[in-house]
Amino acid sequence: MSDQEQASERFSDGDGSPARKRPRPGERRLQILQTVANMLEQPGAERVTTASLAAKIGVSEAALYRHFASKAQMFEGLIDFVDQSVIGLIRQVTDREPPGPQQAARIVALLFQFAEKNPGMSRVMIGDALVLEHERLQERINLLFDKIEAQLRQSLKGMESATPTADVQVTASLLVAFMQGRLQRFARSGFKRLPSEHLQAALARML
């Protein structure tokens, strides 16, 4: 599977409608997560509630809790998908590209491709979808960006500079802030302003 194919994988599959009247074991759980993801993709979407989620799927709220102990657990399922996808994309780049600015740029580009293909997940990544939810969810997202920044530091270690260690740390931090800012703009524009807009020119200024 190519980088482009991997980055283009989507979590949500349409409107989250059930394929059968009686989903097989595990299918309902996946359907719930897909429906949450789909709801987050709607521009201007309000906070997802168990009532709105149950209505969207066509089940009772009690039915949701047979598959997830809480709404926070549903969001943890989405964060798991984001985390696994992002780490997988980073691994693809580091396995194929030698360390250096080009490797760092490729990581940023692929993560933006992932967000553009999964717009609802960009709201999870910036914490917008996690407002008023359990604080541990935001902590997990913070940890994900810490992992991304750590990898960018590794990618940039060979960067030529009079003060390489300090400059690597500053550049990695700047790239993460740039990513977060672009993802916020993407979500707040109703997914119209793509994160990858003028990306190569922007990266050239930083790298």
Protein backbone atom coordinates (compact mmCIF):
# COMPACT_ATOMS: atom_id res chain seq x y z
CA MET A 1 0.00 0.00 0.00
CA SER A 2 1.43 3.38 -0.98
CA ASP A 3 1.71 6.41 1.31
CA GLN A 4 -1.09 8.07 -0.64
CA GLU A 5 -3.36 5.04 -0.31
CA GLN A 6 -2.67 4.76 3.40
CA ALA A 7 -3.32 8.46 3.98
CA SER A 8 -6.55 8.23 2.02
CA GLU A 9 -8.13 5.60 4.24
CA ARG A 10 -11.28 6.83 5.91
CA PHE A 11 -12.77 5.88 9.23
CA SER A 12 -16.32 6.94 8.36
CA ASP A 13 -18.14 5.04 5.63
CA GLY A 14 -20.98 7.26 4.47
CA ASP A 15 -23.84 8.17 6.79
CA GLY A 16 -23.26 5.39 9.30
CA SER A 17 -26.42 3.54 8.31
CA PRO A 18 -26.51 -0.11 9.36
CA ALA A 19 -25.92 -2.66 6.62
CA ARG A 20 -28.35 -5.10 8.27
CA LYS A 21 -31.28 -4.85 10.62
CA ARG A 22 -29.41 -7.11 13.05
CA PRO A 23 -25.69 -6.29 12.97
CA ARG A 24 -23.33 -9.10 13.86
CA PRO A 25 -21.33 -8.93 17.11
CA GLY A 26 -18.84 -6.06 16.89
CA GLU A 27 -20.57 -4.44 13.92
CA ARG A 28 -22.79 -2.23 16.07
CA ARG A 29 -19.77 -0.97 18.01
CA LEU A 30 -18.01 -0.03 14.76
CA GLN A 31 -21.20 1.51 13.40
CA ILE A 32 -21.48 3.73 16.48
CA LEU A 33 -17.92 5.01 16.02
CA GLN A 34 -18.45 5.55 12.28
CA THR A 35 -21.62 7.52 13.01
CA VAL A 36 -19.85 9.74 15.56
CA ALA A 37 -17.12 10.38 12.97
CA ASN A 38 -19.74 11.24 10.34
CA MET A 39 -21.51 13.64 12.72
CA LEU A 40 -18.22 15.42 13.39
CA GLU A 41 -17.76 15.93 9.64
CA GLN A 42 -20.81 18.15 9.36
CA PRO A 43 -19.74 21.83 9.11
CA GLY A 44 -21.00 23.77 12.11
CA ALA A 45 -21.96 20.55 13.89
CA GLU A 46 -22.94 20.97 17.51
CA ARG A 47 -21.59 18.84 20.33
CA VAL A 48 -22.35 15.15 19.84
CA THR A 49 -24.75 13.87 22.51
CA THR A 50 -25.83 10.32 23.18
CA ALA A 51 -29.40 11.39 22.38
CA SER A 52 -28.47 12.76 18.94
CA LEU A 53 -26.20 9.79 18.26
CA ALA A 54 -28.89 7.26 19.19
CA ALA A 55 -31.41 9.09 17.00
CA LYS A 56 -28.98 9.10 14.08
CA ILE A 57 -28.47 5.35 14.33
CA GLY A 58 -32.08 4.57 15.18
CA VAL A 59 -31.51 2.88 18.54
CA SER A 60 -32.14 3.79 22.16
CA GLU A 61 -29.50 5.48 24.31
CA ALA A 62 -29.51 2.36 26.47
CA ALA A 63 -28.47 0.37 23.40
CA LEU A 64 -25.39 2.55 23.01
CA TYR A 65 -24.29 1.76 26.55
CA ARG A 66 -24.40 -1.95 25.82
CA HIS A 67 -21.38 -1.36 23.58
CA PHE A 68 -19.61 1.53 25.32
CA ALA A 69 -19.52 2.25 29.04
CA SER A 70 -19.61 6.02 28.37
CA LYS A 71 -19.46 8.62 25.61
CA ALA A 72 -15.83 9.23 26.61
CA GLN A 73 -15.11 5.62 25.67
CA MET A 74 -16.60 6.26 22.22
CA PHE A 75 -14.22 9.18 21.71
CA GLU A 76 -11.36 7.02 22.93
CA GLY A 77 -12.19 4.66 20.07
CA LEU A 78 -11.82 7.55 17.62
CA ILE A 79 -8.56 8.65 19.25
CA ASP A 80 -7.26 5.08 18.94
CA PHE A 81 -7.95 5.25 15.20
CA VAL A 82 -6.21 8.62 14.87
CA ASP A 83 -3.23 7.49 16.93
CA GLN A 84 -2.76 4.22 15.03
CA SER A 85 -3.18 5.94 11.65
CA VAL A 86 -0.77 8.76 12.43
CA ILE A 87 1.91 6.48 13.88
CA GLY A 88 1.49 4.15 10.89
CA LEU A 89 1.97 7.01 8.44
CA ILE A 90 5.03 8.25 10.28
CA ARG A 91 6.51 4.75 10.23
CA GLN A 92 5.98 4.54 6.46
CA VAL A 93 7.94 7.76 5.98
CA THR A 94 10.81 6.88 8.33
CA ASP A 95 11.14 3.44 6.71
CA ARG A 96 11.45 4.93 3.23
CA GLU A 97 13.01 8.37 3.63
CA PRO A 98 16.44 9.12 5.17
CA PRO A 99 16.46 11.54 8.12
CA GLY A 100 16.50 15.19 7.20
CA PRO A 101 14.22 18.11 6.36
CA GLN A 102 12.63 16.16 3.49
CA GLN A 103 11.56 13.41 5.88
CA ALA A 104 10.00 15.97 8.24
CA ALA A 105 8.20 17.65 5.35
CA ARG A 106 6.83 14.31 4.15
CA ILE A 107 5.47 13.54 7.62
CA VAL A 108 3.62 16.86 7.76
CA ALA A 109 2.22 16.38 4.24
CA LEU A 110 0.91 12.87 4.94
CA LEU A 111 -0.72 13.88 8.21
CA PHE A 112 -2.50 16.70 6.41
CA GLN A 113 -3.68 14.25 3.74
CA PHE A 114 -5.08 12.05 6.50
CA ALA A 115 -6.94 15.00 8.05
CA GLU A 116 -8.37 16.07 4.68
CA LYS A 117 -9.67 12.55 4.05
CA ASN A 118 -11.05 12.32 7.60
CA PRO A 119 -12.27 15.86 8.38
CA GLY A 120 -14.15 14.75 11.49
CA MET A 121 -10.89 13.41 12.88
CA SER A 122 -9.28 16.84 12.50
CA ARG A 123 -11.82 18.09 15.07
CA VAL A 124 -10.65 15.31 17.39
CA MET A 125 -6.99 16.16 16.78
CA ILE A 126 -7.40 19.84 17.70
CA GLY A 127 -9.59 19.00 20.71
CA ASP A 128 -12.61 20.87 19.31
CA ALA A 129 -14.76 17.73 19.53
CA LEU A 130 -13.52 17.01 23.06
CA VAL A 131 -14.71 20.23 24.71
CA LEU A 132 -16.72 19.40 27.87
CA GLU A 133 -15.69 15.74 27.56
CA HIS A 134 -13.41 13.91 30.00
CA GLU A 135 -10.03 15.62 30.43
CA ARG A 136 -8.14 12.37 29.80
CA LEU A 137 -9.24 12.57 26.15
CA GLN A 138 -7.44 15.88 25.64
CA GLU A 139 -4.43 14.45 27.48
CA ARG A 140 -4.29 11.63 24.92
CA ILE A 141 -4.35 14.09 22.04
CA ASN A 142 -1.61 16.14 23.72
CA LEU A 143 0.43 12.95 23.99
CA LEU A 144 -0.08 12.24 20.28
CA PHE A 145 1.33 15.64 19.32
CA ASP A 146 4.21 15.07 21.74
CA LYS A 147 4.99 11.87 19.79
CA ILE A 148 4.81 13.75 16.48
CA GLU A 149 7.15 16.45 17.78
CA ALA A 150 9.60 13.86 19.09
CA GLN A 151 9.70 12.19 15.68
CA LEU A 152 10.21 15.50 13.92
CA ARG A 153 13.18 16.17 16.19
CA GLN A 154 14.60 12.79 15.17
CA SER A 155 13.97 13.56 11.50
CA LEU A 156 15.75 16.91 11.75
CA LYS A 157 18.78 15.78 13.76
CA GLY A 158 21.01 15.98 10.70
CA MET A 159 19.97 19.55 9.94
CA GLU A 160 23.00 21.74 9.29
CA SER A 161 23.20 24.61 11.74
CA ALA A 162 25.62 26.44 14.00
CA THR A 163 23.48 25.36 16.96
CA PRO A 164 21.92 22.10 15.68
CA THR A 165 20.31 20.83 18.90
CA ALA A 166 18.57 24.10 19.73
CA ASP A 167 17.50 24.70 16.15
CA VAL A 168 16.09 21.19 15.80
CA GLN A 169 13.96 21.66 18.90
CA VAL A 170 12.69 25.04 17.74
CA THR A 171 11.92 23.81 14.21
CA ALA A 172 10.10 20.69 15.43
CA SER A 173 8.04 22.80 17.82
CA LEU A 174 7.28 25.29 15.03
CA LEU A 175 6.14 22.49 12.69
CA VAL A 176 3.76 21.10 15.32
CA ALA A 177 2.32 24.54 16.01
CA PHE A 178 1.92 25.03 12.25
CA MET A 179 0.09 21.69 11.95
CA GLN A 180 -2.24 22.48 14.83
CA GLY A 181 -2.99 25.92 13.41
CA ARG A 182 -3.76 24.54 9.94
CA LEU A 183 -6.03 21.86 11.41
CA GLN A 184 -7.90 24.48 13.46
CA ARG A 185 -8.40 26.65 10.39
CA PHE A 186 -9.61 23.59 8.44
CA ALA A 187 -12.26 22.77 11.05
CA ARG A 188 -13.35 26.35 11.67
CA SER A 189 -13.73 27.08 7.96
CA GLY A 190 -16.25 24.26 7.66
CA PHE A 191 -13.50 22.12 6.08
CA LYS A 192 -13.07 24.55 3.17
CA ARG A 193 -9.53 25.81 3.89
CA LEU A 194 -7.41 22.71 3.33
CA PRO A 195 -4.39 22.16 5.59
CA SER A 196 -2.26 21.41 2.54
CA GLU A 197 -2.92 24.83 0.98
CA HIS A 198 0.40 26.28 -0.29
CA LEU A 199 2.09 23.63 1.85
CA GLN A 200 5.40 23.36 0.01
CA ALA A 201 5.93 27.12 0.08
CA ALA A 202 5.11 27.22 3.80
CA LEU A 203 7.45 24.33 4.60
CA ALA A 204 10.22 25.95 2.57
CA ARG A 205 10.03 28.95 4.92
CA MET A 206 10.45 26.71 7.97
CA LEU A 207 12.87 24.09 6.66
